[in-house]
Protein backbone atom coordinates (compact mmCIF):
# COMPACT_ATOMS: atom_id res chain seq x y z
CA MET A 1 52.83 -13.06 14.87
CA THR A 2 50.75 -12.09 11.77
CA LYS A 3 48.59 -8.89 11.69
CA PRO A 4 44.92 -9.34 11.06
CA PRO A 5 43.95 -8.21 7.63
CA LYS A 6 42.85 -4.60 7.28
CA LYS A 7 39.07 -4.13 7.31
CA THR A 8 37.35 -2.59 4.36
CA ASP A 9 35.27 0.58 4.68
CA LEU A 10 32.02 -1.54 4.50
CA GLN A 11 33.18 -3.92 7.38
CA GLN A 12 34.27 -0.87 9.53
CA ALA A 13 30.83 0.76 8.91
CA THR A 14 29.05 -2.51 9.68
CA ASP A 15 31.14 -2.90 12.96
CA LEU A 16 30.34 0.64 14.12
CA GLN A 17 26.58 0.09 13.41
CA GLU A 18 26.53 -3.06 15.53
CA GLU A 19 28.46 -1.46 18.33
CA TYR A 20 26.18 1.54 18.23
CA TYR A 21 22.94 -0.26 18.38
CA ALA A 22 24.15 -2.85 20.82
CA SER A 23 24.81 -0.05 23.26
CA GLY A 24 21.04 0.58 23.39
CA LYS A 25 21.13 4.24 22.12
CA SER A 26 19.29 3.70 18.93
CA ILE A 27 15.67 4.56 20.28
CA LYS A 28 16.96 7.44 22.30
CA ASP A 29 18.80 8.81 19.15
CA PHE A 30 15.85 8.21 17.12
CA VAL A 31 13.51 10.26 19.45
CA ARG A 32 16.18 12.99 19.58
CA SER A 33 16.49 13.16 15.90
CA LEU A 34 12.86 14.07 15.49
CA VAL A 35 13.43 17.49 16.73
CA ILE A 36 17.21 18.00 16.51
CA ALA A 37 19.23 17.25 13.41
CA ARG A 38 21.97 14.74 13.91
CA GLY A 39 25.68 16.22 14.18
CA ARG A 40 27.25 13.01 12.61
CA SER A 41 27.85 12.85 8.95
CA THR A 42 28.54 9.71 6.91
CA ARG A 43 32.08 8.71 6.07
CA GLY A 44 33.68 6.34 3.82
CA GLN A 45 32.62 5.18 0.34
CA VAL A 46 29.65 3.11 1.14
CA HIS A 47 27.07 5.70 1.59
CA VAL A 48 24.84 7.50 -0.83
CA ARG A 49 24.69 11.28 -0.01
CA ASP A 50 21.44 13.06 -0.62
CA ALA A 51 19.50 16.02 0.59
CA ILE A 52 16.34 13.87 1.16
CA ASP A 53 16.09 11.23 3.73
CA VAL A 54 13.46 8.93 5.16
CA LYS A 55 12.53 11.43 7.97
CA ARG A 56 12.08 14.27 5.54
CA THR A 57 10.11 12.20 3.20
CA MET A 58 7.80 11.02 5.78
CA THR A 59 7.34 14.60 7.10
CA LEU A 60 6.44 15.73 3.73
CA VAL A 61 3.89 13.02 3.20
CA GLY A 62 2.28 13.71 6.62
CA LEU A 63 2.10 17.51 5.64
CA CYS A 64 0.39 16.57 2.31
CA LEU A 65 -2.09 14.46 4.22
CA LEU A 66 -2.88 17.34 6.58
CA PRO A 67 -5.77 18.91 4.65
CA ALA A 68 -7.56 15.51 4.53
CA ILE A 69 -6.90 14.89 8.16
CA LEU A 70 -8.21 18.23 9.33
CA PHE A 71 -11.39 18.01 7.14
CA GLY A 72 -11.89 14.48 8.06
CA ILE A 73 -11.89 15.27 11.78
CA TYR A 74 -14.40 18.14 11.20
CA ASN A 75 -16.65 15.99 9.08
CA ILE A 76 -16.84 13.33 11.76
CA GLY A 77 -18.52 16.07 14.09
CA LEU A 78 -20.50 17.34 11.12
CA GLN A 79 -21.93 13.97 10.17
CA ALA A 80 -22.79 13.25 13.90
CA GLN A 81 -24.54 16.58 14.13
CA VAL A 82 -26.70 15.93 10.93
CA ALA A 83 -27.51 12.51 12.38
CA LEU A 84 -28.63 14.15 15.77
CA ALA A 85 -30.99 16.31 13.77
CA GLY A 86 -32.56 13.11 12.69
CA GLY A 87 -33.23 11.98 15.97
CA LEU A 88 -30.23 9.77 16.78
CA THR A 89 -28.13 10.25 20.10
CA THR A 90 -24.38 10.47 20.81
CA PRO A 91 -22.84 7.24 22.01
CA ASP A 92 -21.96 6.64 25.59
CA THR A 93 -18.22 6.39 25.34
CA TRP A 94 -15.23 7.44 27.26
CA LYS A 95 -13.90 9.20 24.10
CA LEU A 96 -16.31 12.00 24.67
CA ALA A 97 -15.31 12.58 28.30
CA LEU A 98 -12.94 15.43 27.42
CA PHE A 99 -15.19 16.85 24.79
CA ASN A 100 -18.12 16.95 27.24
CA LEU A 101 -15.90 18.62 29.89
CA PHE A 102 -15.06 21.62 27.82
CA ASN A 103 -17.94 21.87 25.14
CA GLY A 104 -20.88 20.21 26.86
CA THR A 105 -22.90 17.84 24.83
CA LEU A 106 -23.13 18.00 20.95
CA THR A 107 -26.17 19.81 19.84
CA GLU A 108 -27.54 21.19 16.51
CA GLN A 109 -26.05 24.63 17.55
CA THR A 110 -22.56 23.38 18.13
CA GLY A 111 -20.19 25.52 15.91
CA LEU A 112 -17.31 24.54 13.62
CA VAL A 113 -14.58 24.42 16.58
CA GLY A 114 -16.93 22.25 18.63
CA LEU A 115 -17.63 19.88 15.71
CA PHE A 116 -13.82 19.67 15.10
CA PHE A 117 -13.08 18.72 18.79
CA TYR A 118 -15.99 16.32 18.72
CA GLY A 119 -14.24 14.59 15.66
CA LEU A 120 -10.87 14.86 17.24
CA SER A 121 -12.11 12.91 20.38
CA PHE A 122 -12.84 9.94 18.12
CA TYR A 123 -10.02 10.26 15.63
CA LEU A 124 -7.17 10.79 18.18
CA PRO A 125 -7.54 7.40 19.96
CA ILE A 126 -7.62 5.55 16.65
CA TYR A 127 -4.37 7.22 15.53
CA LEU A 128 -2.49 6.93 18.84
CA THR A 129 -3.44 3.14 18.95
CA ALA A 130 -2.19 2.58 15.49
CA LEU A 131 0.93 4.61 16.08
CA LEU A 132 1.97 3.09 19.49
CA THR A 133 1.14 -0.40 18.02
CA SER A 134 3.32 0.06 15.03
CA LEU A 135 5.99 1.75 16.99
CA CYS A 136 6.21 -1.28 19.31
CA TRP A 137 6.61 -3.64 16.48
CA GLU A 138 9.19 -1.55 14.74
CA VAL A 139 11.31 -1.30 17.98
CA VAL A 140 11.12 -4.96 18.40
CA PHE A 141 12.34 -5.71 14.96
CA ALA A 142 14.87 -3.00 14.87
CA ARG A 143 16.44 -4.25 18.17
CA VAL A 144 16.47 -7.96 16.98
CA ARG A 145 18.08 -6.98 13.72
CA GLY A 146 20.38 -4.30 15.06
CA GLN A 147 19.07 -1.95 12.40
CA GLU A 148 18.28 1.80 12.59
CA LEU A 149 14.73 2.70 13.52
CA HIS A 150 12.97 4.49 10.56
CA GLU A 151 10.26 7.00 10.58
CA GLY A 152 8.05 5.04 8.07
CA PHE A 153 5.69 3.83 10.81
CA PHE A 154 4.30 7.44 11.19
CA VAL A 155 2.85 7.56 7.80
CA THR A 156 1.69 3.78 7.91
CA ALA A 157 -0.20 4.58 11.17
CA LEU A 158 -1.55 7.82 9.62
CA LEU A 159 -2.87 6.14 6.39
CA PHE A 160 -4.20 3.20 8.27
CA SER A 161 -6.21 5.51 10.59
CA LEU A 162 -7.68 7.61 7.63
CA ILE A 163 -9.09 4.50 5.86
CA LEU A 164 -10.98 3.17 8.81
CA PRO A 165 -14.50 3.94 9.93
CA VAL A 166 -14.69 6.39 12.89
CA SER A 167 -16.34 3.85 15.21
CA THR A 168 -13.79 1.07 14.64
CA PRO A 169 -12.95 -0.56 18.02
CA LEU A 170 -9.47 0.20 19.14
CA TRP A 171 -8.59 -3.55 19.62
CA LEU A 172 -9.32 -4.02 15.97
CA VAL A 173 -7.18 -1.07 15.04
CA ALA A 174 -4.36 -2.68 17.06
CA MET A 175 -4.88 -6.03 15.23
CA GLY A 176 -5.07 -4.54 11.85
CA ILE A 177 -1.89 -2.43 12.09
CA SER A 178 -0.04 -5.35 13.59
CA PHE A 179 -0.86 -7.61 10.71
CA GLY A 180 0.10 -4.90 8.35
CA VAL A 181 3.44 -4.16 9.94
CA VAL A 182 4.41 -7.65 10.91
CA VAL A 183 3.23 -9.89 8.03
CA ALA A 184 3.20 -7.47 5.16
CA LYS A 185 6.44 -5.55 6.01
CA GLU A 186 8.73 -6.84 8.82
CA LEU A 187 8.69 -10.63 7.83
CA PHE A 188 10.11 -9.63 4.52
CA GLY A 189 13.03 -7.61 5.87
CA GLY A 190 11.38 -4.33 6.96
CA MET A 191 11.24 -0.98 5.27
CA GLY A 192 12.17 -0.96 1.57
CA TYR A 193 11.65 -4.78 1.41
CA ASN A 194 7.84 -5.17 1.67
CA PHE A 195 6.07 -5.87 -1.52
CA LEU A 196 2.50 -5.08 -0.09
CA ASN A 197 1.31 -1.81 1.17
CA PRO A 198 1.19 -2.39 4.97
CA ALA A 199 -1.85 0.01 5.71
CA LEU A 200 -3.94 -1.70 3.02
CA ALA A 201 -2.77 -5.16 3.99
CA GLY A 202 -3.95 -4.45 7.59
CA LEU A 203 -7.24 -3.09 6.36
CA ALA A 204 -7.71 -6.23 4.14
CA PHE A 205 -7.09 -8.45 7.15
CA ILE A 206 -9.63 -6.92 9.48
CA TYR A 207 -12.01 -6.43 6.42
CA PHE A 208 -12.33 -10.20 5.95
CA ALA A 209 -11.65 -11.48 9.56
CA TYR A 210 -14.19 -9.06 11.10
CA PRO A 211 -16.51 -7.75 8.33
CA SER A 212 -19.34 -6.73 10.62
CA GLU A 213 -16.99 -4.41 12.58
CA VAL A 214 -15.66 -2.69 9.47
CA THR A 215 -18.15 -2.96 6.56
CA SER A 216 -21.23 -2.00 8.72
CA VAL A 217 -22.57 1.38 7.70
CA LYS A 218 -23.10 2.13 11.32
CA GLN A 219 -19.53 2.36 12.09
CA LEU A 220 -19.17 5.32 9.75
CA VAL A 221 -20.79 7.95 11.90
CA ALA A 222 -19.96 8.67 15.63
CA VAL A 223 -23.72 8.22 16.77
CA ASP A 224 -25.79 5.41 17.95
CA GLY A 225 -28.07 3.56 15.63
CA PHE A 226 -26.92 5.20 12.25
CA SER A 227 -28.48 3.33 9.26
CA GLY A 228 -27.66 5.53 6.31
CA ALA A 229 -25.36 4.59 3.43
CA THR A 230 -22.55 6.10 1.54
CA ALA A 231 -22.92 7.42 -2.08
CA LEU A 232 -21.23 4.33 -3.51
CA ALA A 233 -23.61 2.02 -1.51
CA GLN A 234 -26.58 4.12 -2.68
CA ALA A 235 -25.40 3.81 -6.37
CA ALA A 236 -25.00 -0.02 -5.98
CA ALA A 237 -28.41 -0.26 -4.58
CA GLY A 238 -30.00 1.69 -7.48
CA GLN A 239 -30.80 4.67 -5.26
CA LEU A 240 -28.86 7.07 -7.48
CA GLN A 241 -30.08 7.01 -11.14
CA PHE A 242 -27.49 7.56 -13.84
CA VAL A 243 -29.39 6.58 -16.91
CA ASP A 244 -28.99 9.16 -19.67
CA TYR A 245 -26.48 10.91 -17.27
CA PRO A 246 -23.40 12.00 -19.17
CA TRP A 247 -20.16 12.43 -17.17
CA TYR A 248 -20.03 16.23 -17.50
CA ARG A 249 -23.50 16.63 -15.93
CA ALA A 250 -21.92 15.93 -12.67
CA PHE A 251 -20.35 19.38 -12.51
CA SER A 252 -23.88 21.00 -12.23
CA ASP A 253 -25.16 18.34 -9.73
CA PRO A 254 -25.28 19.54 -6.07
CA LEU A 255 -25.02 16.02 -4.92
CA TRP A 256 -21.79 15.38 -6.87
CA TRP A 257 -20.29 18.82 -5.42
CA ASN A 258 -21.27 17.58 -1.86
CA ASP A 259 -19.30 14.43 -2.41
CA PHE A 260 -16.36 16.25 -4.01
CA LEU A 261 -16.07 18.84 -1.16
CA GLY A 262 -16.42 15.85 1.39
CA PHE A 263 -19.59 16.61 3.19
CA SER A 264 -20.70 13.01 2.94
CA VAL A 265 -20.48 9.69 4.99
CA GLY A 266 -17.44 7.65 4.68
CA ALA A 267 -14.20 6.57 6.19
CA ILE A 268 -12.24 9.25 8.15
CA GLY A 269 -9.99 10.58 5.62
CA GLU A 270 -11.55 9.61 2.35
CA THR A 271 -14.54 11.80 1.93
CA SER A 272 -13.02 15.12 0.71
CA THR A 273 -11.85 14.70 -2.83
CA LEU A 274 -10.83 18.32 -3.00
CA ALA A 275 -8.55 18.11 0.23
CA LEU A 276 -6.87 14.78 -1.18
CA LEU A 277 -6.18 16.32 -4.65
CA MET A 278 -4.48 19.31 -2.89
CA GLY A 279 -2.29 17.15 -0.88
CA GLY A 280 -1.69 14.76 -3.83
CA LEU A 281 -0.67 17.56 -5.93
CA MET A 282 2.01 18.63 -3.52
CA LEU A 283 3.23 15.04 -3.57
CA ILE A 284 3.73 15.23 -7.34
CA ILE A 285 5.28 18.69 -7.29
CA THR A 286 7.83 17.38 -4.59
CA ARG A 287 8.31 14.31 -6.76
CA LEU A 288 7.55 12.05 -3.80
CA ALA A 289 4.76 10.47 -6.01
CA ASP A 290 5.19 9.74 -9.74
CA TRP A 291 2.63 11.50 -11.90
CA ARG A 292 2.69 8.28 -14.28
CA ILE A 293 1.04 6.18 -11.69
CA VAL A 294 -1.62 8.88 -10.87
CA LEU A 295 -2.31 9.34 -14.55
CA GLY A 296 -2.37 5.64 -15.17
CA VAL A 297 -4.93 5.01 -12.26
CA LEU A 298 -7.16 7.94 -13.63
CA LEU A 299 -7.00 6.85 -17.21
CA GLY A 300 -7.57 3.13 -16.34
CA MET A 301 -10.68 4.11 -14.34
CA ILE A 302 -12.09 6.32 -17.01
CA ALA A 303 -11.55 3.86 -19.84
CA THR A 304 -13.05 0.94 -17.86
CA VAL A 305 -16.06 3.04 -16.68
CA THR A 306 -16.58 4.25 -20.30
CA LEU A 307 -16.75 0.66 -21.46
CA CYS A 308 -19.17 -0.25 -18.74
CA ASN A 309 -21.47 2.72 -19.63
CA VAL A 310 -21.42 1.58 -23.37
CA ILE A 311 -22.31 -1.91 -22.49
CA GLY A 312 -24.84 -0.95 -20.03
CA SER A 313 -27.05 -3.45 -17.70
CA SER A 314 -30.64 -3.62 -16.64
CA THR A 315 -29.83 -5.30 -13.35
CA ASN A 316 -26.56 -3.67 -12.29
CA PRO A 317 -26.98 0.20 -11.62
CA LEU A 318 -23.23 0.77 -11.40
CA MET A 319 -22.75 -0.12 -14.90
CA ALA A 320 -24.34 3.28 -15.75
CA MET A 321 -22.26 5.25 -13.15
CA PRO A 322 -20.18 7.80 -14.92
CA TRP A 323 -16.47 8.24 -14.08
CA THR A 324 -16.84 11.66 -12.48
CA TRP A 325 -18.88 9.77 -9.74
CA HIS A 326 -16.46 6.99 -9.40
CA LEU A 327 -13.83 9.69 -8.83
CA VAL A 328 -15.60 11.22 -5.79
CA THR A 329 -17.04 8.03 -4.21
CA GLY A 330 -15.28 5.70 -1.80
CA GLY A 331 -11.58 5.94 -1.27
CA PHE A 332 -10.60 6.30 -4.89
CA VAL A 333 -8.65 9.44 -4.78
CA LEU A 334 -7.02 8.67 -1.31
CA ALA A 335 -5.88 5.44 -2.88
CA MET A 336 -4.81 7.04 -6.12
CA MET A 337 -2.77 9.63 -4.56
CA PHE A 338 -1.21 8.11 -1.46
CA MET A 339 -1.64 4.38 -1.60
CA ALA A 340 -0.93 3.55 -5.27
CA THR A 341 2.23 5.91 -5.18
CA ASP A 342 4.01 4.04 -2.42
CA PRO A 343 7.51 4.04 -3.69
CA VAL A 344 8.44 0.71 -2.20
CA THR A 345 5.50 -1.45 -3.54
CA THR A 346 4.97 0.16 -6.92
CA ALA A 347 6.80 -0.72 -10.18
CA TYR A 348 10.16 1.05 -10.83
CA THR A 349 10.42 1.37 -14.55
CA ARG A 350 8.67 4.18 -16.10
CA PRO A 351 6.35 2.20 -18.55
CA GLY A 352 5.90 -0.14 -15.66
CA LYS A 353 4.51 2.65 -13.37
CA PHE A 354 2.14 3.78 -16.01
CA ALA A 355 0.94 0.10 -16.57
CA TYR A 356 0.75 -0.42 -12.75
CA GLY A 357 -1.60 2.64 -12.45
CA VAL A 358 -3.76 1.54 -15.37
CA LEU A 359 -4.15 -2.06 -13.77
CA ILE A 360 -5.28 -0.34 -10.54
CA GLY A 361 -7.85 1.91 -12.23
CA PHE A 362 -9.03 -1.21 -14.28
CA MET A 363 -9.31 -3.51 -11.19
CA THR A 364 -11.04 -0.90 -9.04
CA VAL A 365 -14.03 -0.46 -11.44
CA LEU A 366 -14.15 -4.26 -12.11
CA ILE A 367 -14.55 -5.08 -8.57
CA ARG A 368 -16.95 -2.21 -7.80
CA VAL A 369 -19.19 -3.32 -10.69
CA ALA A 370 -18.88 -7.01 -10.73
CA ASN A 371 -19.32 -7.48 -6.93
CA PRO A 372 -21.87 -4.78 -5.67
CA LYS A 373 -21.75 -6.44 -2.27
CA MET A 374 -18.06 -5.11 -2.01
CA ALA A 375 -18.59 -1.73 -3.64
CA GLU A 376 -15.20 -0.35 -2.60
CA GLY A 377 -12.74 -2.23 -4.72
CA VAL A 378 -9.66 0.10 -4.73
CA MET A 379 -8.20 -1.69 -1.64
CA LEU A 380 -8.00 -5.07 -3.32
CA ALA A 381 -7.05 -3.46 -6.67
CA ILE A 382 -3.83 -1.96 -5.25
CA LEU A 383 -2.91 -5.20 -3.34
CA PHE A 384 -3.34 -7.12 -6.55
CA ALA A 385 -1.30 -4.64 -8.55
CA ASN A 386 1.41 -4.79 -5.80
CA LEU A 387 1.81 -8.44 -6.67
CA TRP A 388 2.08 -7.74 -10.37
CA ALA A 389 4.53 -4.79 -10.03
CA PRO A 390 7.77 -7.01 -10.16
CA LEU A 391 6.45 -8.79 -13.40
CA LEU A 392 5.56 -5.43 -15.01
CA ASP A 393 9.20 -4.25 -14.40
CA TYR A 394 10.60 -7.74 -15.76
CA LEU A 395 8.43 -7.29 -19.00
CA VAL A 396 9.71 -3.78 -19.47
CA ALA A 397 13.32 -4.84 -19.07
CA ARG A 398 12.96 -7.82 -21.38
CA ALA A 399 11.35 -5.56 -24.02
CA ASN A 400 14.25 -3.07 -23.64
CA ILE A 401 16.75 -5.89 -24.07
CA LYS A 402 15.02 -7.27 -27.28
CA ARG A 403 14.93 -3.78 -28.70
CA ARG A 404 18.74 -3.09 -28.09
CA LEU A 405 19.63 -6.54 -29.49
CA LYS A 406 17.61 -5.81 -32.54
CA ARG A 407 19.18 -2.26 -32.86
CA HIS A 408 22.68 -3.90 -32.97
CA GLY A 409 21.63 -6.71 -35.25
CA LEU A 410 22.12 -9.53 -32.64
């Protein structure tokens, strides 16, 4: 009787993983690992050992987003209070039941804490809907594939909730995050295999499938009947004048500082440029984000805007808009710091990362200027650059090969 061949370390690790997840303990262990470190350590020769893992990475990204989240929640209440001063009323919705129970109704005298809890009553249902929906899909695919449940869905749901208007219906939140997680991520193999940013893919889906529910300005403020406009929409409509307006003049403009600090109308987490830059700087310091991408996006935007300013236009007001205003309007900084730097969907070579960033900056301005009806172009710019990232790496690799062959006379 012959003995079965001895299994390699890789085969043994694969068998142990299949037995472990077949026992149904993966979800329980995942929940436990969120608060308690695992006692097991990797064995054999098939593992890469590092001090950083997916859980720590996602935790750091969430902490870097915290300034924008907290300010965004407060700004929801602040913008609603400003709208109430203009004669509008609070919506009749179940989301305000808890707020009304402890704080009464929102008035012009409501303080900072009250405004924060007013915003929290609208933001929390959106985030929980995105979180639970993405978790359900992650569990389904993890069980079917017998794979480990990763913590990436936390940040995906967080980013998705921050790029939505505050009055987005919850069913639409569930549909958007479902499309992003399933179609843009899981169908291609799950975490690490997706070539599109799941949060932006989900936003693009509901943006084009249900434009009236996402693009309508009334969705941006948590009151009934809001009819204002974002700074970017005002600029596209010619309500902000930039003729003979040099870029450095913005630093002495109170309206620019208002947008830089975040006291303006917009999606939940995109209004405060200051808060986003603070969090993005921490990402760069911890090396979770590559500074080449951020620099490329910024320089690509500045160069394209400068070219538009030089060309000028008598019919398109956005052609005269300086780069300092492009920086603080829309979701540019949120995308530059947290979306474009996604390590999975970006280019991997160093020159490729910089070119990838420049492409995003160029496409953002091009979409904003060439299509005033879609003033916010950074979403499509990043998705477009995601498709080009592998080609950029290929071109860099081919250039390196040619240079080395030439060096050796081959």
